[in-house]
PDB file of all heavy atoms in Angstrom:
ATOM      1  N   ALA A   1      -0.159  -4.748   8.998  1.00  0.00           N
ATOM      2  CA  ALA A   1      -1.216  -5.227   9.739  1.00  0.00           C
ATOM      3  C   ALA A   1      -2.412  -4.251   9.819  1.00  0.00           C
ATOM      4  O   ALA A   1      -3.544  -4.577   9.882  1.00  0.00           O
ATOM      5  CB  ALA A   1      -0.784  -5.611  11.155  1.00  0.00           C
ATOM      6  N   ASP A   2      -2.039  -2.957   9.708  1.00  0.00           N
ATOM      7  CA  ASP A   2      -3.013  -1.866   9.738  1.00  0.00           C
ATOM      8  C   ASP A   2      -3.209  -1.204   8.338  1.00  0.00           C
ATOM      9  O   ASP A   2      -4.113  -0.371   8.196  1.00  0.00           O
ATOM     10  CB  ASP A   2      -2.598  -0.780  10.695  1.00  0.00           C
ATOM     11  CG  ASP A   2      -2.438  -1.349  12.108  1.00  0.00           C
ATOM     12  OD1 ASP A   2      -3.241  -2.255  12.471  1.00  0.00           O
ATOM     13  OD2 ASP A   2      -1.436  -0.940  12.837  1.00  0.00           O
ATOM     14  N   LEU A   3      -2.402  -1.566   7.373  1.00  0.00           N
ATOM     15  CA  LEU A   3      -2.418  -0.801   6.120  1.00  0.00           C
ATOM     16  C   LEU A   3      -3.726  -0.980   5.366  1.00  0.00           C
ATOM     17  O   LEU A   3      -4.235  -0.025   4.761  1.00  0.00           O
ATOM     18  CB  LEU A   3      -1.195  -1.202   5.287  1.00  0.00           C
ATOM     19  CG  LEU A   3      -0.973  -0.423   4.024  1.00  0.00           C
ATOM     20  CD1 LEU A   3      -0.919   1.072   4.241  1.00  0.00           C
ATOM     21  CD2 LEU A   3       0.262  -0.838   3.228  1.00  0.00           C
ATOM     22  N   GLY A   4      -4.210  -2.187   5.286  1.00  0.00           N
ATOM     23  CA  GLY A   4      -5.464  -2.456   4.555  1.00  0.00           C
ATOM     24  C   GLY A   4      -6.624  -1.608   5.044  1.00  0.00           C
ATOM     25  O   GLY A   4      -7.356  -0.958   4.274  1.00  0.00           O
ATOM     26  N   GLU A   5      -6.741  -1.542   6.402  1.00  0.00           N
ATOM     27  CA  GLU A   5      -7.805  -0.721   6.963  1.00  0.00           C
ATOM     28  C   GLU A   5      -7.562   0.760   6.647  1.00  0.00           C
ATOM     29  O   GLU A   5      -8.476   1.510   6.327  1.00  0.00           O
ATOM     30  CB  GLU A   5      -7.913  -0.918   8.433  1.00  0.00           C
ATOM     31  CG  GLU A   5      -8.990  -0.144   9.156  1.00  0.00           C
ATOM     32  CD  GLU A   5      -9.088  -0.454  10.618  1.00  0.00           C
ATOM     33  OE1 GLU A   5      -8.566  -1.456  11.122  1.00  0.00           O
ATOM     34  OE2 GLU A   5      -9.744   0.393  11.309  1.00  0.00           O
ATOM     35  N   PHE A   6      -6.321   1.242   6.776  1.00  0.00           N
ATOM     36  CA  PHE A   6      -6.024   2.589   6.422  1.00  0.00           C
ATOM     37  C   PHE A   6      -6.288   2.938   4.997  1.00  0.00           C
ATOM     38  O   PHE A   6      -6.925   3.966   4.715  1.00  0.00           O
ATOM     39  CB  PHE A   6      -4.492   2.844   6.687  1.00  0.00           C
ATOM     40  CG  PHE A   6      -3.924   4.122   6.321  1.00  0.00           C
ATOM     41  CD1 PHE A   6      -4.177   5.257   7.093  1.00  0.00           C
ATOM     42  CD2 PHE A   6      -3.265   4.338   5.082  1.00  0.00           C
ATOM     43  CE1 PHE A   6      -3.695   6.512   6.720  1.00  0.00           C
ATOM     44  CE2 PHE A   6      -2.785   5.577   4.769  1.00  0.00           C
ATOM     45  CZ  PHE A   6      -2.974   6.691   5.599  1.00  0.00           C
ATOM     46  N   LEU A   7      -5.877   2.049   4.087  1.00  0.00           N
ATOM     47  CA  LEU A   7      -6.116   2.294   2.656  1.00  0.00           C
ATOM     48  C   LEU A   7      -7.625   2.216   2.329  1.00  0.00           C
ATOM     49  O   LEU A   7      -8.091   2.894   1.397  1.00  0.00           O
ATOM     50  CB  LEU A   7      -5.364   1.335   1.824  1.00  0.00           C
ATOM     51  CG  LEU A   7      -3.821   1.435   1.791  1.00  0.00           C
ATOM     52  CD1 LEU A   7      -3.197   0.351   1.015  1.00  0.00           C
ATOM     53  CD2 LEU A   7      -3.474   2.828   1.273  1.00  0.00           C
ATOM     54  N   SER A   8      -8.429   1.481   3.042  1.00  0.00           N
ATOM     55  CA  SER A   8      -9.892   1.439   2.802  1.00  0.00           C
ATOM     56  C   SER A   8     -10.573   2.704   2.921  1.00  0.00           C
ATOM     57  O   SER A   8     -11.721   2.948   2.496  1.00  0.00           O
ATOM     58  CB  SER A   8     -10.507   0.329   3.638  1.00  0.00           C
ATOM     59  OG  SER A   8     -10.595   0.803   4.978  1.00  0.00           O
ATOM     60  N   THR A   9      -9.939   3.712   3.557  1.00  0.00           N
ATOM     61  CA  THR A   9     -10.552   5.054   3.682  1.00  0.00           C
ATOM     62  C   THR A   9     -10.281   5.944   2.517  1.00  0.00           C
ATOM     63  O   THR A   9     -10.720   7.069   2.480  1.00  0.00           O
ATOM     64  CB  THR A   9     -10.045   5.758   5.011  1.00  0.00           C
ATOM     65  OG1 THR A   9      -8.640   6.039   4.870  1.00  0.00           O
ATOM     66  CG2 THR A   9     -10.304   4.888   6.176  1.00  0.00           C
ATOM     67  N   TYR A  10      -9.543   5.434   1.470  1.00  0.00           N
ATOM     68  CA  TYR A  10      -9.152   6.163   0.327  1.00  0.00           C
ATOM     69  C   TYR A  10      -9.729   5.439  -0.976  1.00  0.00           C
ATOM     70  O   TYR A  10      -9.909   4.317  -1.003  1.00  0.00           O
ATOM     71  CB  TYR A  10      -7.604   6.258   0.114  1.00  0.00           C
ATOM     72  CG  TYR A  10      -7.003   7.016   1.184  1.00  0.00           C
ATOM     73  CD1 TYR A  10      -6.556   6.512   2.429  1.00  0.00           C
ATOM     74  CD2 TYR A  10      -6.877   8.477   1.053  1.00  0.00           C
ATOM     75  CE1 TYR A  10      -5.958   7.261   3.396  1.00  0.00           C
ATOM     76  CE2 TYR A  10      -6.268   9.294   1.980  1.00  0.00           C
ATOM     77  CZ  TYR A  10      -5.894   8.643   3.172  1.00  0.00           C
ATOM     78  OH  TYR A  10      -5.275   9.464   4.213  1.00  0.00           O
ATOM     79  N   ASP A  11      -9.975   6.304  -1.925  1.00  0.00           N
ATOM     80  CA  ASP A  11     -10.448   5.779  -3.317  1.00  0.00           C
ATOM     81  C   ASP A  11      -9.347   5.363  -4.078  1.00  0.00           C
ATOM     82  O   ASP A  11      -9.405   4.445  -4.953  1.00  0.00           O
ATOM     83  CB  ASP A  11     -11.269   6.789  -3.980  1.00  0.00           C
ATOM     84  CG  ASP A  11     -12.609   7.177  -3.251  1.00  0.00           C
ATOM     85  OD1 ASP A  11     -13.196   6.277  -2.689  1.00  0.00           O
ATOM     86  OD2 ASP A  11     -12.964   8.355  -3.286  1.00  0.00           O
ATOM     87  N   THR A  12      -8.122   6.031  -3.996  1.00  0.00           N
ATOM     88  CA  THR A  12      -7.042   5.797  -4.845  1.00  0.00           C
ATOM     89  C   THR A  12      -5.677   6.005  -4.060  1.00  0.00           C
ATOM     90  O   THR A  12      -5.589   6.835  -3.179  1.00  0.00           O
ATOM     91  CB  THR A  12      -7.043   6.831  -6.034  1.00  0.00           C
ATOM     92  OG1 THR A  12      -8.239   6.699  -6.703  1.00  0.00           O
ATOM     93  CG2 THR A  12      -5.933   6.564  -6.969  1.00  0.00           C
ATOM     94  N   LEU A  13      -4.719   5.111  -4.454  1.00  0.00           N
ATOM     95  CA  LEU A  13      -3.356   5.333  -3.916  1.00  0.00           C
ATOM     96  C   LEU A  13      -2.492   5.631  -5.130  1.00  0.00           C
ATOM     97  O   LEU A  13      -2.499   4.899  -6.115  1.00  0.00           O
ATOM     98  CB  LEU A  13      -2.833   4.035  -3.245  1.00  0.00           C
ATOM     99  CG  LEU A  13      -1.368   3.989  -2.896  1.00  0.00           C
ATOM    100  CD1 LEU A  13      -1.082   5.001  -1.801  1.00  0.00           C
ATOM    101  CD2 LEU A  13      -0.991   2.597  -2.432  1.00  0.00           C
ATOM    102  N   MET A  14      -1.712   6.664  -5.038  1.00  0.00           N
ATOM    103  CA  MET A  14      -0.764   7.064  -6.059  1.00  0.00           C
ATOM    104  C   MET A  14       0.621   6.779  -5.577  1.00  0.00           C
ATOM    105  O   MET A  14       0.972   7.335  -4.492  1.00  0.00           O
ATOM    106  CB  MET A  14      -0.886   8.452  -6.501  1.00  0.00           C
ATOM    107  CG  MET A  14       0.077   8.861  -7.594  1.00  0.00           C
ATOM    108  SD  MET A  14      -0.100  10.637  -8.063  1.00  0.00           S
ATOM    109  CE  MET A  14      -1.583  10.625  -8.952  1.00  0.00           C
ATOM    110  N   ILE A  15       1.397   6.041  -6.295  1.00  0.00           N
ATOM    111  CA  ILE A  15       2.806   5.763  -5.964  1.00  0.00           C
ATOM    112  C   ILE A  15       3.621   6.489  -6.972  1.00  0.00           C
ATOM    113  O   ILE A  15       3.626   6.109  -8.129  1.00  0.00           O
ATOM    114  CB  ILE A  15       3.148   4.253  -5.943  1.00  0.00           C
ATOM    115  CG1 ILE A  15       2.254   3.523  -4.891  1.00  0.00           C
ATOM    116  CG2 ILE A  15       4.618   4.068  -5.722  1.00  0.00           C
ATOM    117  CD1 ILE A  15       2.448   1.996  -5.023  1.00  0.00           C
ATOM    118  N   GLY A  16       4.276   7.601  -6.630  1.00  0.00           N
ATOM    119  CA  GLY A  16       4.891   8.394  -7.615  1.00  0.00           C
ATOM    120  C   GLY A  16       6.427   8.336  -7.435  1.00  0.00           C
ATOM    121  O   GLY A  16       7.055   8.900  -6.495  1.00  0.00           O
ATOM    122  N   ASP A  17       7.042   7.601  -8.313  1.00  0.00           N
ATOM    123  CA  ASP A  17       8.465   7.350  -8.383  1.00  0.00           C
ATOM    124  C   ASP A  17       9.102   6.952  -7.099  1.00  0.00           C
ATOM    125  O   ASP A  17      10.041   7.557  -6.581  1.00  0.00           O
ATOM    126  CB  ASP A  17       9.136   8.644  -8.928  1.00  0.00           C
ATOM    127  CG  ASP A  17      10.588   8.472  -9.392  1.00  0.00           C
ATOM    128  OD1 ASP A  17      10.884   7.327  -9.723  1.00  0.00           O
ATOM    129  OD2 ASP A  17      11.384   9.398  -9.364  1.00  0.00           O
ATOM    130  N   VAL A  18       8.552   5.999  -6.424  1.00  0.00           N
ATOM    131  CA  VAL A  18       9.032   5.418  -5.158  1.00  0.00           C
ATOM    132  C   VAL A  18       9.548   4.035  -5.358  1.00  0.00           C
ATOM    133  O   VAL A  18       8.851   3.170  -5.954  1.00  0.00           O
ATOM    134  CB  VAL A  18       7.787   5.345  -4.159  1.00  0.00           C
ATOM    135  CG1 VAL A  18       8.271   4.772  -2.820  1.00  0.00           C
ATOM    136  CG2 VAL A  18       7.180   6.743  -3.941  1.00  0.00           C
ATOM    137  N   PRO A  19      10.823   3.827  -4.997  1.00  0.00           N
ATOM    138  CA  PRO A  19      11.405   2.435  -5.197  1.00  0.00           C
ATOM    139  C   PRO A  19      10.681   1.420  -4.344  1.00  0.00           C
ATOM    140  O   PRO A  19      10.229   1.700  -3.229  1.00  0.00           O
ATOM    141  CB  PRO A  19      12.837   2.607  -4.814  1.00  0.00           C
ATOM    142  CG  PRO A  19      12.903   3.820  -3.956  1.00  0.00           C
ATOM    143  CD  PRO A  19      11.724   4.691  -4.344  1.00  0.00           C
ATOM    144  N   ALA A  20      10.634   0.219  -4.808  1.00  0.00           N
ATOM    145  CA  ALA A  20      10.015  -0.916  -4.120  1.00  0.00           C
ATOM    146  C   ALA A  20      10.599  -1.125  -2.695  1.00  0.00           C
ATOM    147  O   ALA A  20       9.882  -1.569  -1.775  1.00  0.00           O
ATOM    148  CB  ALA A  20      10.090  -2.204  -4.924  1.00  0.00           C
ATOM    149  N   GLU A  21      11.908  -0.851  -2.494  1.00  0.00           N
ATOM    150  CA  GLU A  21      12.504  -1.062  -1.247  1.00  0.00           C
ATOM    151  C   GLU A  21      11.857  -0.214  -0.081  1.00  0.00           C
ATOM    152  O   GLU A  21      12.151  -0.591   1.037  1.00  0.00           O
ATOM    153  CB  GLU A  21      13.977  -0.817  -1.310  1.00  0.00           C
ATOM    154  CG  GLU A  21      14.341   0.618  -1.570  1.00  0.00           C
ATOM    155  CD  GLU A  21      15.783   0.853  -1.877  1.00  0.00           C
ATOM    156  OE1 GLU A  21      16.450  -0.037  -2.501  1.00  0.00           O
ATOM    157  OE2 GLU A  21      16.332   1.901  -1.573  1.00  0.00           O
ATOM    158  N   ARG A  22      11.162   0.771  -0.467  1.00  0.00           N
ATOM    159  CA  ARG A  22      10.470   1.520   0.590  1.00  0.00           C
ATOM    160  C   ARG A  22       9.331   0.874   1.245  1.00  0.00           C
ATOM    161  O   ARG A  22       8.828   1.272   2.248  1.00  0.00           O
ATOM    162  CB  ARG A  22      10.004   2.871  -0.008  1.00  0.00           C
ATOM    163  CG  ARG A  22      11.085   3.746  -0.524  1.00  0.00           C
ATOM    164  CD  ARG A  22      11.752   4.542   0.661  1.00  0.00           C
ATOM    165  NE  ARG A  22      12.742   5.464   0.206  1.00  0.00           N
ATOM    166  CZ  ARG A  22      12.477   6.773  -0.116  1.00  0.00           C
ATOM    167  NH1 ARG A  22      11.340   7.215   0.043  1.00  0.00           N
ATOM    168  NH2 ARG A  22      13.486   7.453  -0.511  1.00  0.00           N
ATOM    169  N   PHE A  23       8.737  -0.239   0.609  1.00  0.00           N
ATOM    170  CA  PHE A  23       7.716  -0.971   1.159  1.00  0.00           C
ATOM    171  C   PHE A  23       8.216  -2.384   1.564  1.00  0.00           C
ATOM    172  O   PHE A  23       9.070  -3.009   0.885  1.00  0.00           O
ATOM    173  CB  PHE A  23       6.639  -1.199   0.093  1.00  0.00           C
ATOM    174  CG  PHE A  23       6.057   0.058  -0.452  1.00  0.00           C
ATOM    175  CD1 PHE A  23       6.433   0.438  -1.732  1.00  0.00           C
ATOM    176  CD2 PHE A  23       5.148   0.814   0.240  1.00  0.00           C
ATOM    177  CE1 PHE A  23       5.911   1.639  -2.306  1.00  0.00           C
ATOM    178  CE2 PHE A  23       4.680   2.021  -0.262  1.00  0.00           C
ATOM    179  CZ  PHE A  23       5.020   2.401  -1.533  1.00  0.00           C
ATOM    180  N   ASP A  24       7.706  -2.938   2.629  1.00  0.00           N
ATOM    181  CA  ASP A  24       8.040  -4.379   2.902  1.00  0.00           C
ATOM    182  C   ASP A  24       7.088  -5.239   2.084  1.00  0.00           C
ATOM    183  O   ASP A  24       6.055  -4.727   1.600  1.00  0.00           O
ATOM    184  CB  ASP A  24       8.090  -4.705   4.453  1.00  0.00           C
ATOM    185  CG  ASP A  24       6.779  -4.556   5.092  1.00  0.00           C
ATOM    186  OD1 ASP A  24       5.702  -4.937   4.580  1.00  0.00           O
ATOM    187  OD2 ASP A  24       6.762  -4.009   6.274  1.00  0.00           O
ATOM    188  N   GLY A  25       7.351  -6.483   2.099  1.00  0.00           N
ATOM    189  CA  GLY A  25       6.489  -7.468   1.262  1.00  0.00           C
ATOM    190  C   GLY A  25       5.022  -7.491   1.735  1.00  0.00           C
ATOM    191  O   GLY A  25       4.092  -7.550   0.911  1.00  0.00           O
ATOM    192  N   ALA A  26       4.829  -7.382   3.129  1.00  0.00           N
ATOM    193  CA  ALA A  26       3.510  -7.498   3.612  1.00  0.00           C
ATOM    194  C   ALA A  26       2.644  -6.136   3.179  1.00  0.00           C
ATOM    195  O   ALA A  26       1.555  -6.170   2.951  1.00  0.00           O
ATOM    196  CB  ALA A  26       3.442  -7.648   5.115  1.00  0.00           C
ATOM    197  N   GLN A  27       3.385  -5.030   3.141  1.00  0.00           N
ATOM    198  CA  GLN A  27       2.731  -3.791   2.779  1.00  0.00           C
ATOM    199  C   GLN A  27       2.389  -3.872   1.285  1.00  0.00           C
ATOM    200  O   GLN A  27       1.268  -3.455   0.949  1.00  0.00           O
ATOM    201  CB  GLN A  27       3.653  -2.604   3.027  1.00  0.00           C
ATOM    202  CG  GLN A  27       3.724  -2.170   4.419  1.00  0.00           C
ATOM    203  CD  GLN A  27       4.735  -1.007   4.631  1.00  0.00           C
ATOM    204  OE1 GLN A  27       5.866  -1.015   4.048  1.00  0.00           O
ATOM    205  NE2 GLN A  27       4.330  -0.012   5.377  1.00  0.00           N
ATOM    206  N   MET A  28       3.240  -4.350   0.454  1.00  0.00           N
ATOM    207  CA  MET A  28       2.967  -4.602  -1.003  1.00  0.00           C
ATOM    208  C   MET A  28       1.706  -5.483  -1.149  1.00  0.00           C
ATOM    209  O   MET A  28       0.883  -5.190  -2.000  1.00  0.00           O
ATOM    210  CB  MET A  28       4.156  -5.111  -1.701  1.00  0.00           C
ATOM    211  CG  MET A  28       5.172  -4.149  -2.006  1.00  0.00           C
ATOM    212  SD  MET A  28       6.270  -4.742  -3.287  1.00  0.00           S
ATOM    213  CE  MET A  28       7.745  -3.841  -2.952  1.00  0.00           C
ATOM    214  N   GLU A  29       1.657  -6.519  -0.335  1.00  0.00           N
ATOM    215  CA  GLU A  29       0.457  -7.464  -0.453  1.00  0.00           C
ATOM    216  C   GLU A  29      -0.745  -6.712  -0.046  1.00  0.00           C
ATOM    217  O   GLU A  29      -1.801  -6.932  -0.640  1.00  0.00           O
ATOM    218  CB  GLU A  29       0.691  -8.662   0.354  1.00  0.00           C
ATOM    219  CG  GLU A  29      -0.336  -9.698   0.306  1.00  0.00           C
ATOM    220  CD  GLU A  29      -0.717 -10.207  -1.102  1.00  0.00           C
ATOM    221  OE1 GLU A  29       0.086 -10.114  -1.981  1.00  0.00           O
ATOM    222  OE2 GLU A  29      -1.856 -10.676  -1.333  1.00  0.00           O
ATOM    223  N   ALA A  30      -0.702  -5.929   0.968  1.00  0.00           N
ATOM    224  CA  ALA A  30      -1.938  -5.123   1.369  1.00  0.00           C
ATOM    225  C   ALA A  30      -2.354  -4.165   0.294  1.00  0.00           C
ATOM    226  O   ALA A  30      -3.548  -3.996   0.043  1.00  0.00           O
ATOM    227  CB  ALA A  30      -1.602  -4.411   2.722  1.00  0.00           C
ATOM    228  N   ILE A  31      -1.412  -3.516  -0.377  1.00  0.00           N
ATOM    229  CA  ILE A  31      -1.740  -2.620  -1.504  1.00  0.00           C
ATOM    230  C   ILE A  31      -2.346  -3.450  -2.581  1.00  0.00           C
ATOM    231  O   ILE A  31      -3.354  -3.018  -3.209  1.00  0.00           O
ATOM    232  CB  ILE A  31      -0.405  -1.925  -1.985  1.00  0.00           C
ATOM    233  CG1 ILE A  31       0.010  -0.912  -0.930  1.00  0.00           C
ATOM    234  CG2 ILE A  31      -0.738  -1.207  -3.334  1.00  0.00           C
ATOM    235  CD1 ILE A  31       1.429  -0.352  -1.183  1.00  0.00           C
ATOM    236  N   ARG A  32      -1.770  -4.644  -2.968  1.00  0.00           N
ATOM    237  CA  ARG A  32      -2.310  -5.438  -4.041  1.00  0.00           C
ATOM    238  C   ARG A  32      -3.731  -5.847  -3.711  1.00  0.00           C
ATOM    239  O   ARG A  32      -4.637  -5.679  -4.528  1.00  0.00           O
ATOM    240  CB  ARG A  32      -1.488  -6.687  -4.192  1.00  0.00           C
ATOM    241  CG  ARG A  32      -1.966  -7.562  -5.384  1.00  0.00           C
ATOM    242  CD  ARG A  32      -1.525  -8.971  -5.355  1.00  0.00           C
ATOM    243  NE  ARG A  32      -2.110  -9.654  -4.160  1.00  0.00           N
ATOM    244  CZ  ARG A  32      -3.422 -10.107  -4.112  1.00  0.00           C
ATOM    245  NH1 ARG A  32      -4.305  -9.923  -5.046  1.00  0.00           N
ATOM    246  NH2 ARG A  32      -3.821 -10.745  -3.008  1.00  0.00           N
ATOM    247  N   LYS A  33      -4.008  -6.235  -2.458  1.00  0.00           N
ATOM    248  CA  LYS A  33      -5.320  -6.759  -2.089  1.00  0.00           C
ATOM    249  C   LYS A  33      -6.371  -5.578  -2.205  1.00  0.00           C
ATOM    250  O   LYS A  33      -7.400  -5.771  -2.706  1.00  0.00           O
ATOM    251  CB  LYS A  33      -5.375  -7.231  -0.630  1.00  0.00           C
ATOM    252  CG  LYS A  33      -4.925  -8.683  -0.572  1.00  0.00           C
ATOM    253  CD  LYS A  33      -5.103  -9.136   0.855  1.00  0.00           C
ATOM    254  CE  LYS A  33      -5.033 -10.712   0.916  1.00  0.00           C
ATOM    255  NZ  LYS A  33      -5.240 -11.198   2.217  1.00  0.00           N
ATOM    256  N   GLN A  34      -5.999  -4.409  -1.725  1.00  0.00           N
ATOM    257  CA  GLN A  34      -6.928  -3.231  -1.766  1.00  0.00           C
ATOM    258  C   GLN A  34      -7.191  -2.885  -3.201  1.00  0.00           C
ATOM    259  O   GLN A  34      -8.380  -2.626  -3.540  1.00  0.00           O
ATOM    260  CB  GLN A  34      -6.326  -2.038  -1.083  1.00  0.00           C
ATOM    261  CG  GLN A  34      -6.385  -2.071   0.418  1.00  0.00           C
ATOM    262  CD  GLN A  34      -7.760  -2.234   0.944  1.00  0.00           C
ATOM    263  OE1 GLN A  34      -8.132  -3.186   1.643  1.00  0.00           O
ATOM    264  NE2 GLN A  34      -8.702  -1.313   0.630  1.00  0.00           N
TER     265      GLN A  34
END
């Protein structure tokens, strides 16, 4: 619910060797949208 706003303060997100299970589906969707 807060991730999109949080990510909007950054130019880039780097995911470095992190398994998908560390994110829930809604967080992944927020990342995709950003």
